[in-house]
Amino acid sequence: QVQLVESGGGVVQAGESLRLSCAASGSIFSINVMGWFRQAPGGQRESLATITVGGDSTSYADSVKGRFTISRDNTKNTVYLQMNRLKPEDTAVYYCYAPKSSGDFYWGQGTQVIVSD
């Protein structure tokens, strides 16, 4: 089992920045990739970014490319999402996730981000 705990959300104004953290624990040796997705009220899940264990490969959704940066610190078993130039449409609950070998996913409880204009 893997446990993921997100933190760092909050209320900011448009144009400001936030950094989200995701601390992983448990059977983390089984994790090869981690990522972030978000879900706005009444909206669909949107995958935002992924990063490999070594941090040598990242990917981003077009909606956040150039504004968000995913990174990881393996010494702390933590993945980060630096979010710059936030927009009101970025308002959502943000989750980190990790794929299971079964094809399902682990994810945490989420952290709320609210961007006011």
Protein backbone atom coordinates (compact mmCIF):
# COMPACT_ATOMS: atom_id res chain seq x y z
CA GLN A 1 0.00 0.00 0.00
CA VAL A 2 1.02 3.57 -0.67
CA GLN A 3 -0.25 6.59 1.22
CA LEU A 4 -0.23 10.03 -0.38
CA VAL A 5 -0.82 13.25 1.55
CA GLU A 6 -1.22 16.54 -0.27
CA SER A 7 -0.73 19.97 1.24
CA GLY A 8 -0.12 23.56 0.22
CA GLY A 9 -3.47 24.60 -1.15
CA GLY A 10 -5.12 27.88 -0.26
CA VAL A 11 -6.82 31.01 -1.50
CA VAL A 12 -4.84 33.31 -3.76
CA GLN A 13 -5.49 36.08 -6.23
CA ALA A 14 -5.09 35.67 -9.95
CA GLY A 15 -1.48 35.98 -11.00
CA GLU A 16 -0.09 34.69 -7.73
CA SER A 17 1.71 31.40 -7.07
CA LEU A 18 1.32 28.33 -4.88
CA ARG A 19 3.44 25.26 -4.32
CA LEU A 20 1.68 22.00 -3.59
CA SER A 21 3.42 19.09 -1.88
CA CYS A 22 2.63 15.40 -1.92
CA ALA A 23 4.31 13.21 0.68
CA ALA A 24 4.40 9.51 -0.12
CA SER A 25 4.82 6.68 2.37
CA GLY A 26 4.38 2.92 2.47
CA SER A 27 5.44 0.68 -0.40
CA ILE A 28 6.91 3.53 -2.40
CA PHE A 29 9.46 1.21 -4.03
CA SER A 30 6.61 0.11 -6.28
CA ILE A 31 6.12 3.60 -7.68
CA ASN A 32 7.70 4.48 -11.03
CA VAL A 33 5.69 7.56 -11.91
CA MET A 34 3.76 10.13 -9.92
CA GLY A 35 1.52 12.90 -11.05
CA TRP A 36 -1.06 15.52 -10.23
CA PHE A 37 -4.64 15.86 -11.36
CA ARG A 38 -7.40 18.26 -10.39
CA GLN A 39 -11.14 18.28 -10.26
CA ALA A 40 -13.26 21.38 -10.23
CA PRO A 41 -16.78 21.34 -8.76
CA GLY A 42 -19.03 19.60 -11.24
CA GLY A 43 -16.10 19.09 -13.57
CA GLN A 44 -14.13 16.15 -14.85
CA ARG A 45 -10.76 15.07 -13.60
CA GLU A 46 -7.94 16.71 -15.48
CA SER A 47 -4.48 15.21 -15.47
CA LEU A 48 -1.96 18.00 -15.11
CA ALA A 49 1.58 16.68 -14.88
CA THR A 50 3.63 13.54 -14.36
CA ILE A 51 7.20 12.84 -13.33
CA THR A 52 9.28 9.67 -13.34
CA VAL A 53 11.06 8.31 -10.28
CA GLY A 54 14.39 9.70 -11.40
CA GLY A 55 12.83 13.02 -12.25
CA ASP A 56 14.33 12.85 -15.70
CA SER A 57 11.06 12.84 -17.56
CA THR A 58 8.07 15.10 -17.08
CA SER A 59 4.89 15.77 -18.99
CA TYR A 60 2.26 18.50 -18.78
CA ALA A 61 -1.25 19.18 -19.92
CA ASP A 62 -1.51 22.02 -22.41
CA SER A 63 -3.64 23.98 -19.96
CA VAL A 64 -0.77 24.30 -17.49
CA LYS A 65 2.33 24.01 -19.65
CA GLY A 66 4.63 26.94 -19.03
CA ARG A 67 2.89 27.87 -15.77
CA PHE A 68 3.16 24.73 -13.64
CA THR A 69 6.28 22.74 -12.83
CA ILE A 70 6.37 19.26 -11.32
CA SER A 71 9.42 18.15 -9.37
CA ARG A 72 10.36 15.61 -6.74
CA ASP A 73 12.73 15.15 -3.84
CA ASN A 74 13.37 11.44 -3.43
CA THR A 75 15.20 12.03 -0.14
CA LYS A 76 11.90 13.27 1.25
CA ASN A 77 9.62 11.00 -0.82
CA THR A 78 7.82 14.16 -1.87
CA VAL A 79 6.51 15.43 -5.19
CA TYR A 80 5.81 19.11 -5.73
CA LEU A 81 3.69 21.15 -8.09
CA GLN A 82 4.81 24.74 -8.45
CA MET A 83 1.93 26.75 -9.84
CA ASN A 84 2.64 30.22 -11.19
CA ARG A 85 0.43 32.85 -12.81
CA LEU A 86 -2.67 31.22 -11.38
CA LYS A 87 -6.01 31.89 -13.03
CA PRO A 88 -9.56 31.65 -11.66
CA GLU A 89 -10.09 28.60 -13.88
CA ASP A 90 -7.35 26.82 -11.90
CA THR A 91 -9.73 26.67 -8.95
CA ALA A 92 -10.16 23.00 -8.06
CA VAL A 93 -9.20 20.27 -5.63
CA TYR A 94 -5.72 19.05 -6.51
CA TYR A 95 -4.66 15.47 -6.00
CA CYS A 96 -1.42 13.65 -6.43
CA TYR A 97 -1.52 10.09 -7.69
CA ALA A 98 0.60 7.07 -8.41
CA PRO A 99 -0.28 4.14 -10.65
CA LYS A 100 -0.70 0.69 -9.17
CA SER A 101 0.62 -2.38 -10.94
CA SER A 102 -3.00 -3.49 -11.27
CA GLY A 103 -3.80 -0.47 -13.44
CA ASP A 104 -5.67 1.37 -10.71
CA PHE A 105 -4.28 4.39 -8.90
CA TYR A 106 -3.37 5.55 -5.44
CA TRP A 107 -4.36 9.11 -4.63
CA GLY A 108 -4.57 11.32 -1.57
CA GLN A 109 -7.30 13.35 0.07
CA GLY A 110 -6.63 16.37 -2.10
CA THR A 111 -5.89 20.00 -1.33
CA GLN A 112 -8.18 22.87 -2.28
CA VAL A 113 -6.94 25.70 -4.46
CA ILE A 114 -9.11 28.77 -4.90
CA VAL A 115 -8.04 31.55 -7.24
CA SER A 116 -9.99 34.78 -7.06
CA ASP A 117 -9.99 37.42 -9.77
